[in-house]
Amino acid sequence: MTLSFFNQFSSPSFVGVPLIALALTFPWTLFPNASPRWLTNRMLALQGWFINRFTYQLLLPLNRAGHKWAALFASLMVFLISLNMLGLLPYTFTPTTQLSLNLGLAVPLWLATVIIGLRNQPNVATGHMLPEGTPTPLIPILIIIETISLFIRPLALGVRLTANLTAGHLLIQLISTAAFVLLPMMPTVAIVTGALLFLLTLLEVAVAMIQAYVFVLLLSLYLQENV
């Protein structure tokens, strides 16, 4: 029983082909196509309003050089929200519970922000390693600590997204299993457990959206330090 709870996080395959690629491409088929008409439908209007508000809030603290990342951040945000929300449906697979996928998204984008900072303003980028006014004996220790904290950023991005989604899926499966087992023995307790499961599902919907926003927000903060 203990191992069966973690089977939902294993990448499924069909005829030897991993289905994680299909799960990654499926969200893009749900987005409505742009229309040449002046008056669009409600779905396009809601999608455009959401992307505009999100992009405005995300790029507000950045200067003009950082606005080039607007399309990338907005696309990544919508992509992560779609993957997280689709993973809450029954009999589905959530690719963002895989640490390898999250690190594959976090490491290149974090490395791009670091390279941009070293290329455009190397003095400012390397100046974060050593705060002004540091005592001379503490300089080597602080440089080592700041270097470790710099390289641990992409790992923290990937682990945060993976841990939150994995914990939520495990709680949903544990509570749903408890409600199913208690139904023939204690129906009242099973009903209360089912109500708790419903509230937890609503919480997981919020977590799926918030974690996608936090992932992109932290990337924008890393970019802010280097542009």
C-alpha atoms as a PDB file:
ATOM      1  CA  MET A   1       0.000   0.000   0.000  1.00  0.00           C
ATOM      2  CA  THR A   2       2.860   2.374   0.788  1.00  0.00           C
ATOM      3  CA  LEU A   3       4.436   1.914  -2.624  1.00  0.00           C
ATOM      4  CA  SER A   4       1.101   2.289  -4.440  1.00  0.00           C
ATOM      5  CA  PHE A   5       0.781   5.872  -3.214  1.00  0.00           C
ATOM      6  CA  PHE A   6       3.920   6.788  -5.137  1.00  0.00           C
ATOM      7  CA  ASN A   7       2.978   4.980  -8.342  1.00  0.00           C
ATOM      8  CA  GLN A   8       1.159   8.093  -9.521  1.00  0.00           C
ATOM      9  CA  PHE A   9       4.499   9.916  -9.778  1.00  0.00           C
ATOM     10  CA  SER A  10       6.131   7.352 -12.074  1.00  0.00           C
ATOM     11  CA  SER A  11       6.232   8.362 -15.716  1.00  0.00           C
ATOM     12  CA  PRO A  12       3.747   6.183 -17.644  1.00  0.00           C
ATOM     13  CA  SER A  13       4.634   4.614 -20.978  1.00  0.00           C
ATOM     14  CA  PHE A  14       2.728   3.056 -23.860  1.00  0.00           C
ATOM     15  CA  VAL A  15       4.409   0.543 -26.184  1.00  0.00           C
ATOM     16  CA  GLY A  16       7.715   1.574 -24.663  1.00  0.00           C
ATOM     17  CA  VAL A  17       7.144   5.281 -25.423  1.00  0.00           C
ATOM     18  CA  PRO A  18       7.074   7.601 -22.356  1.00  0.00           C
ATOM     19  CA  LEU A  19       3.856   9.563 -22.238  1.00  0.00           C
ATOM     20  CA  ILE A  20       5.440  12.534 -20.471  1.00  0.00           C
ATOM     21  CA  ALA A  21       6.068  14.100 -23.906  1.00  0.00           C
ATOM     22  CA  LEU A  22       2.337  13.885 -24.672  1.00  0.00           C
ATOM     23  CA  ALA A  23       1.530  15.380 -21.276  1.00  0.00           C
ATOM     24  CA  LEU A  24       3.875  18.294 -21.996  1.00  0.00           C
ATOM     25  CA  THR A  25       2.368  19.082 -25.391  1.00  0.00           C
ATOM     26  CA  PHE A  26      -1.293  18.579 -24.452  1.00  0.00           C
ATOM     27  CA  PRO A  27      -1.798  21.945 -22.620  1.00  0.00           C
ATOM     28  CA  TRP A  28      -1.038  23.908 -25.795  1.00  0.00           C
ATOM     29  CA  THR A  29      -4.008  22.287 -27.549  1.00  0.00           C
ATOM     30  CA  LEU A  30      -6.390  23.781 -24.978  1.00  0.00           C
ATOM     31  CA  PHE A  31      -5.529  27.390 -25.740  1.00  0.00           C
ATOM     32  CA  PRO A  32      -7.943  29.132 -28.136  1.00  0.00           C
ATOM     33  CA  ASN A  33      -6.532  30.376 -31.417  1.00  0.00           C
ATOM     34  CA  ALA A  34      -6.295  34.081 -32.099  1.00  0.00           C
ATOM     35  CA  SER A  35      -9.132  35.486 -34.184  1.00  0.00           C
ATOM     36  CA  PRO A  36      -8.774  38.231 -36.847  1.00  0.00           C
ATOM     37  CA  ARG A  37     -12.113  39.702 -35.796  1.00  0.00           C
ATOM     38  CA  TRP A  38     -12.260  42.851 -33.705  1.00  0.00           C
ATOM     39  CA  LEU A  39     -14.741  41.295 -31.273  1.00  0.00           C
ATOM     40  CA  THR A  40     -13.457  38.055 -29.771  1.00  0.00           C
ATOM     41  CA  ASN A  41     -15.147  35.510 -27.515  1.00  0.00           C
ATOM     42  CA  ARG A  42     -15.117  35.562 -23.739  1.00  0.00           C
ATOM     43  CA  MET A  43     -12.361  32.965 -23.465  1.00  0.00           C
ATOM     44  CA  LEU A  44      -9.918  35.025 -25.531  1.00  0.00           C
ATOM     45  CA  ALA A  45     -10.857  38.197 -23.666  1.00  0.00           C
ATOM     46  CA  LEU A  46     -10.314  36.522 -20.274  1.00  0.00           C
ATOM     47  CA  GLN A  47      -7.030  34.993 -21.410  1.00  0.00           C
ATOM     48  CA  GLY A  48      -5.765  38.324 -22.750  1.00  0.00           C
ATOM     49  CA  TRP A  49      -6.772  40.180 -19.575  1.00  0.00           C
ATOM     50  CA  PHE A  50      -5.039  37.617 -17.356  1.00  0.00           C
ATOM     51  CA  ILE A  51      -1.803  37.651 -19.357  1.00  0.00           C
ATOM     52  CA  ASN A  52      -1.748  41.459 -19.493  1.00  0.00           C
ATOM     53  CA  ARG A  53      -2.260  41.832 -15.728  1.00  0.00           C
ATOM     54  CA  PHE A  54       0.269  39.149 -14.916  1.00  0.00           C
ATOM     55  CA  THR A  55       2.898  40.593 -17.251  1.00  0.00           C
ATOM     56  CA  TYR A  56       2.333  44.091 -15.848  1.00  0.00           C
ATOM     57  CA  GLN A  57       2.748  42.988 -12.231  1.00  0.00           C
ATOM     58  CA  LEU A  58       5.744  40.788 -13.032  1.00  0.00           C
ATOM     59  CA  LEU A  59       7.719  43.319 -15.060  1.00  0.00           C
ATOM     60  CA  LEU A  60       6.833  46.362 -12.963  1.00  0.00           C
ATOM     61  CA  PRO A  61      10.112  46.367 -10.953  1.00  0.00           C
ATOM     62  CA  LEU A  62      12.251  45.594 -14.033  1.00  0.00           C
ATOM     63  CA  ASN A  63      13.845  48.177 -16.265  1.00  0.00           C
ATOM     64  CA  ARG A  64      13.312  48.350 -20.022  1.00  0.00           C
ATOM     65  CA  ALA A  65      16.031  45.789 -20.744  1.00  0.00           C
ATOM     66  CA  GLY A  66      14.166  43.164 -18.732  1.00  0.00           C
ATOM     67  CA  HIS A  67      10.938  43.678 -20.697  1.00  0.00           C
ATOM     68  CA  LYS A  68      12.354  41.500 -23.478  1.00  0.00           C
ATOM     69  CA  TRP A  69      11.599  38.513 -21.245  1.00  0.00           C
ATOM     70  CA  ALA A  70       7.857  39.310 -21.076  1.00  0.00           C
ATOM     71  CA  ALA A  71       6.769  36.765 -23.701  1.00  0.00           C
ATOM     72  CA  LEU A  72       8.956  34.029 -22.204  1.00  0.00           C
ATOM     73  CA  PHE A  73       7.732  34.591 -18.642  1.00  0.00           C
ATOM     74  CA  ALA A  74       4.070  34.805 -19.674  1.00  0.00           C
ATOM     75  CA  SER A  75       4.323  31.621 -21.752  1.00  0.00           C
ATOM     76  CA  LEU A  76       6.097  29.776 -18.934  1.00  0.00           C
ATOM     77  CA  MET A  77       3.483  30.920 -16.422  1.00  0.00           C
ATOM     78  CA  VAL A  78       0.541  29.742 -18.539  1.00  0.00           C
ATOM     79  CA  PHE A  79       2.351  26.482 -19.342  1.00  0.00           C
ATOM     80  CA  LEU A  80       3.045  25.654 -15.690  1.00  0.00           C
ATOM     81  CA  ILE A  81      -0.485  26.550 -14.579  1.00  0.00           C
ATOM     82  CA  SER A  82      -1.935  24.320 -17.291  1.00  0.00           C
ATOM     83  CA  LEU A  83       0.286  21.373 -16.333  1.00  0.00           C
ATOM     84  CA  ASN A  84      -0.469  21.758 -12.625  1.00  0.00           C
ATOM     85  CA  MET A  85      -4.225  22.094 -13.141  1.00  0.00           C
ATOM     86  CA  LEU A  86      -4.472  19.186 -15.583  1.00  0.00           C
ATOM     87  CA  GLY A  87      -2.593  17.028 -13.075  1.00  0.00           C
ATOM     88  CA  LEU A  88      -5.484  17.409 -10.610  1.00  0.00           C
ATOM     89  CA  LEU A  89      -7.865  15.569 -12.938  1.00  0.00           C
ATOM     90  CA  PRO A  90      -8.446  11.848 -12.267  1.00  0.00           C
ATOM     91  CA  TYR A  91      -6.279   9.326 -14.132  1.00  0.00           C
ATOM     92  CA  THR A  92      -3.812  11.953 -15.294  1.00  0.00           C
ATOM     93  CA  PHE A  93      -0.065  12.408 -14.895  1.00  0.00           C
ATOM     94  CA  THR A  94       1.522  15.603 -13.586  1.00  0.00           C
ATOM     95  CA  PRO A  95       4.910  16.218 -15.263  1.00  0.00           C
ATOM     96  CA  THR A  96       5.776  18.972 -12.783  1.00  0.00           C
ATOM     97  CA  THR A  97       6.036  16.406  -9.972  1.00  0.00           C
ATOM     98  CA  GLN A  98       9.246  15.211 -11.656  1.00  0.00           C
ATOM     99  CA  LEU A  99      12.327  16.949 -10.280  1.00  0.00           C
ATOM    100  CA  SER A 100      14.220  16.349 -13.528  1.00  0.00           C
ATOM    101  CA  LEU A 101      11.664  18.335 -15.529  1.00  0.00           C
ATOM    102  CA  ASN A 102      11.571  21.218 -13.049  1.00  0.00           C
ATOM    103  CA  LEU A 103      15.360  21.410 -12.966  1.00  0.00           C
ATOM    104  CA  GLY A 104      15.352  21.297 -16.755  1.00  0.00           C
ATOM    105  CA  LEU A 105      13.232  24.444 -16.717  1.00  0.00           C
ATOM    106  CA  ALA A 106      14.982  26.187 -13.821  1.00  0.00           C
ATOM    107  CA  VAL A 107      18.673  25.658 -14.619  1.00  0.00           C
ATOM    108  CA  PRO A 108      18.768  27.074 -18.187  1.00  0.00           C
ATOM    109  CA  LEU A 109      16.669  30.121 -17.304  1.00  0.00           C
ATOM    110  CA  TRP A 110      18.693  30.839 -14.158  1.00  0.00           C
ATOM    111  CA  LEU A 111      21.938  30.376 -16.095  1.00  0.00           C
ATOM    112  CA  ALA A 112      20.687  32.792 -18.759  1.00  0.00           C
ATOM    113  CA  THR A 113      20.112  35.506 -16.147  1.00  0.00           C
ATOM    114  CA  VAL A 114      23.600  34.953 -14.709  1.00  0.00           C
ATOM    115  CA  ILE A 115      25.255  35.079 -18.140  1.00  0.00           C
ATOM    116  CA  ILE A 116      23.376  38.275 -19.020  1.00  0.00           C
ATOM    117  CA  GLY A 117      24.570  39.900 -15.797  1.00  0.00           C
ATOM    118  CA  LEU A 118      28.189  38.850 -16.338  1.00  0.00           C
ATOM    119  CA  ARG A 119      28.128  40.088 -19.929  1.00  0.00           C
ATOM    120  CA  ASN A 120      26.362  43.432 -19.473  1.00  0.00           C
ATOM    121  CA  GLN A 121      27.530  44.526 -16.011  1.00  0.00           C
ATOM    122  CA  PRO A 122      30.226  42.204 -14.670  1.00  0.00           C
ATOM    123  CA  ASN A 123      31.203  44.499 -11.787  1.00  0.00           C
ATOM    124  CA  VAL A 124      27.661  44.683 -10.438  1.00  0.00           C
ATOM    125  CA  ALA A 125      27.047  40.957 -10.974  1.00  0.00           C
ATOM    126  CA  THR A 126      30.180  39.925  -9.118  1.00  0.00           C
ATOM    127  CA  GLY A 127      29.674  42.662  -6.521  1.00  0.00           C
ATOM    128  CA  HIS A 128      26.822  40.662  -4.986  1.00  0.00           C
ATOM    129  CA  MET A 129      29.398  38.134  -3.822  1.00  0.00           C
ATOM    130  CA  LEU A 130      30.931  40.582  -1.370  1.00  0.00           C
ATOM    131  CA  PRO A 131      28.839  43.195   0.492  1.00  0.00           C
ATOM    132  CA  GLU A 132      30.406  46.601   0.989  1.00  0.00           C
ATOM    133  CA  GLY A 133      32.189  47.139   4.301  1.00  0.00           C
ATOM    134  CA  THR A 134      32.907  43.453   4.950  1.00  0.00           C
ATOM    135  CA  PRO A 135      35.797  42.881   7.410  1.00  0.00           C
ATOM    136  CA  THR A 136      38.908  41.503   5.743  1.00  0.00           C
ATOM    137  CA  PRO A 137      39.014  38.164   7.669  1.00  0.00           C
ATOM    138  CA  LEU A 138      35.439  37.395   6.591  1.00  0.00           C
ATOM    139  CA  ILE A 139      35.964  38.049   2.873  1.00  0.00           C
ATOM    140  CA  PRO A 140      36.903  34.451   1.842  1.00  0.00           C
ATOM    141  CA  ILE A 141      34.079  32.939   3.912  1.00  0.00           C
ATOM    142  CA  LEU A 142      31.460  35.326   2.530  1.00  0.00           C
ATOM    143  CA  ILE A 143      32.575  34.738  -1.051  1.00  0.00           C
ATOM    144  CA  ILE A 144      32.189  30.973  -0.562  1.00  0.00           C
ATOM    145  CA  ILE A 145      28.767  31.379   1.096  1.00  0.00           C
ATOM    146  CA  GLU A 146      27.466  33.735  -1.605  1.00  0.00           C
ATOM    147  CA  THR A 147      28.754  31.446  -4.361  1.00  0.00           C
ATOM    148  CA  ILE A 148      26.972  28.458  -2.824  1.00  0.00           C
ATOM    149  CA  SER A 149      23.766  30.472  -2.428  1.00  0.00           C
ATOM    150  CA  LEU A 150      24.013  31.519  -6.091  1.00  0.00           C
ATOM    151  CA  PHE A 151      24.372  27.973  -7.393  1.00  0.00           C
ATOM    152  CA  ILE A 152      21.648  26.620  -5.107  1.00  0.00           C
ATOM    153  CA  ARG A 153      18.991  28.926  -6.602  1.00  0.00           C
ATOM    154  CA  PRO A 154      17.941  26.652  -9.505  1.00  0.00           C
ATOM    155  CA  LEU A 155      17.875  23.657  -7.171  1.00  0.00           C
ATOM    156  CA  ALA A 156      15.575  25.564  -4.812  1.00  0.00           C
ATOM    157  CA  LEU A 157      13.288  26.482  -7.723  1.00  0.00           C
ATOM    158  CA  GLY A 158      12.932  22.882  -8.852  1.00  0.00           C
ATOM    159  CA  VAL A 159      12.619  21.349  -5.376  1.00  0.00           C
ATOM    160  CA  ARG A 160      10.015  23.914  -4.260  1.00  0.00           C
ATOM    161  CA  LEU A 161       7.715  23.196  -7.198  1.00  0.00           C
ATOM    162  CA  THR A 162       8.212  19.430  -6.976  1.00  0.00           C
ATOM    163  CA  ALA A 163       7.738  19.202  -3.193  1.00  0.00           C
ATOM    164  CA  ASN A 164       4.564  21.288  -3.059  1.00  0.00           C
ATOM    165  CA  LEU A 165       2.818  19.426  -5.864  1.00  0.00           C
ATOM    166  CA  THR A 166       3.963  16.007  -4.640  1.00  0.00           C
ATOM    167  CA  ALA A 167       2.783  16.689  -1.083  1.00  0.00           C
ATOM    168  CA  GLY A 168      -0.603  17.883  -2.322  1.00  0.00           C
ATOM    169  CA  HIS A 169      -1.154  14.825  -4.520  1.00  0.00           C
ATOM    170  CA  LEU A 170      -0.163  12.497  -1.686  1.00  0.00           C
ATOM    171  CA  LEU A 171      -2.584  14.180   0.727  1.00  0.00           C
ATOM    172  CA  ILE A 172      -5.423  13.940  -1.778  1.00  0.00           C
ATOM    173  CA  GLN A 173      -4.769  10.236  -2.342  1.00  0.00           C
ATOM    174  CA  LEU A 174      -4.422   9.496   1.386  1.00  0.00           C
ATOM    175  CA  ILE A 175      -7.657  11.279   2.323  1.00  0.00           C
ATOM    176  CA  SER A 176      -9.588   9.798  -0.606  1.00  0.00           C
ATOM    177  CA  THR A 177      -8.394   6.294   0.362  1.00  0.00           C
ATOM    178  CA  ALA A 178      -9.436   6.915   3.974  1.00  0.00           C
ATOM    179  CA  ALA A 179     -12.896   8.096   2.890  1.00  0.00           C
ATOM    180  CA  PHE A 180     -13.340   5.006   0.676  1.00  0.00           C
ATOM    181  CA  VAL A 181     -12.296   2.649   3.489  1.00  0.00           C
ATOM    182  CA  LEU A 182     -14.443   4.358   6.154  1.00  0.00           C
ATOM    183  CA  LEU A 183     -17.611   4.513   4.017  1.00  0.00           C
ATOM    184  CA  PRO A 184     -18.974   1.002   4.846  1.00  0.00           C
ATOM    185  CA  MET A 185     -17.901   1.152   8.509  1.00  0.00           C
ATOM    186  CA  MET A 186     -18.521   4.760   9.574  1.00  0.00           C
ATOM    187  CA  PRO A 187     -20.557   6.647   6.964  1.00  0.00           C
ATOM    188  CA  THR A 188     -20.672   9.872   8.979  1.00  0.00           C
ATOM    189  CA  VAL A 189     -16.915  10.024   9.342  1.00  0.00           C
ATOM    190  CA  ALA A 190     -16.561   9.172   5.655  1.00  0.00           C
ATOM    191  CA  ILE A 191     -18.825  12.102   4.699  1.00  0.00           C
ATOM    192  CA  VAL A 192     -16.788  14.459   6.863  1.00  0.00           C
ATOM    193  CA  THR A 193     -13.619  13.096   5.278  1.00  0.00           C
ATOM    194  CA  GLY A 194     -15.125  13.647   1.825  1.00  0.00           C
ATOM    195  CA  ALA A 195     -15.909  17.267   2.709  1.00  0.00           C
ATOM    196  CA  LEU A 196     -12.311  17.672   3.882  1.00  0.00           C
ATOM    197  CA  LEU A 197     -11.156  16.166   0.580  1.00  0.00           C
ATOM    198  CA  PHE A 198     -13.221  18.719  -1.340  1.00  0.00           C
ATOM    199  CA  LEU A 199     -11.674  21.593   0.615  1.00  0.00           C
ATOM    200  CA  LEU A 200      -8.212  20.130   0.092  1.00  0.00           C
ATOM    201  CA  THR A 201      -8.858  19.917  -3.656  1.00  0.00           C
ATOM    202  CA  LEU A 202      -9.763  23.609  -3.717  1.00  0.00           C
ATOM    203  CA  LEU A 203      -6.569  24.324  -1.803  1.00  0.00           C
ATOM    204  CA  GLU A 204      -4.556  22.314  -4.326  1.00  0.00           C
ATOM    205  CA  VAL A 205      -6.054  24.321  -7.179  1.00  0.00           C
ATOM    206  CA  ALA A 206      -4.797  27.472  -5.466  1.00  0.00           C
ATOM    207  CA  VAL A 207      -1.402  25.856  -4.802  1.00  0.00           C
ATOM    208  CA  ALA A 208      -1.106  24.844  -8.464  1.00  0.00           C
ATOM    209  CA  MET A 209      -1.592  28.456  -9.546  1.00  0.00           C
ATOM    210  CA  ILE A 210       0.503  30.011  -6.780  1.00  0.00           C
ATOM    211  CA  GLN A 211       3.485  27.716  -7.298  1.00  0.00           C
ATOM    212  CA  ALA A 212       3.564  28.499 -11.023  1.00  0.00           C
ATOM    213  CA  TYR A 213       3.476  32.213 -10.187  1.00  0.00           C
ATOM    214  CA  VAL A 214       6.217  31.868  -7.554  1.00  0.00           C
ATOM    215  CA  PHE A 215       8.433  29.958  -9.996  1.00  0.00           C
ATOM    216  CA  VAL A 216       8.239  32.729 -12.590  1.00  0.00           C
ATOM    217  CA  LEU A 217       8.385  35.500  -9.980  1.00  0.00           C
ATOM    218  CA  LEU A 218      11.670  34.221  -8.560  1.00  0.00           C
ATOM    219  CA  LEU A 219      13.118  34.011 -12.060  1.00  0.00           C
ATOM    220  CA  SER A 220      12.131  37.648 -12.617  1.00  0.00           C
ATOM    221  CA  LEU A 221      13.849  38.617  -9.346  1.00  0.00           C
ATOM    222  CA  TYR A 222      17.018  36.841 -10.475  1.00  0.00           C
ATOM    223  CA  LEU A 223      16.768  38.722 -13.758  1.00  0.00           C
ATOM    224  CA  GLN A 224      16.282  42.013 -11.901  1.00  0.00           C
ATOM    225  CA  GLU A 225      19.654  41.580 -10.218  1.00  0.00           C
ATOM    226  CA  ASN A 226      21.435  41.209 -13.576  1.00  0.00           C
ATOM    227  CA  VAL A 227      19.845  43.789 -15.879  1.00  0.00           C
END
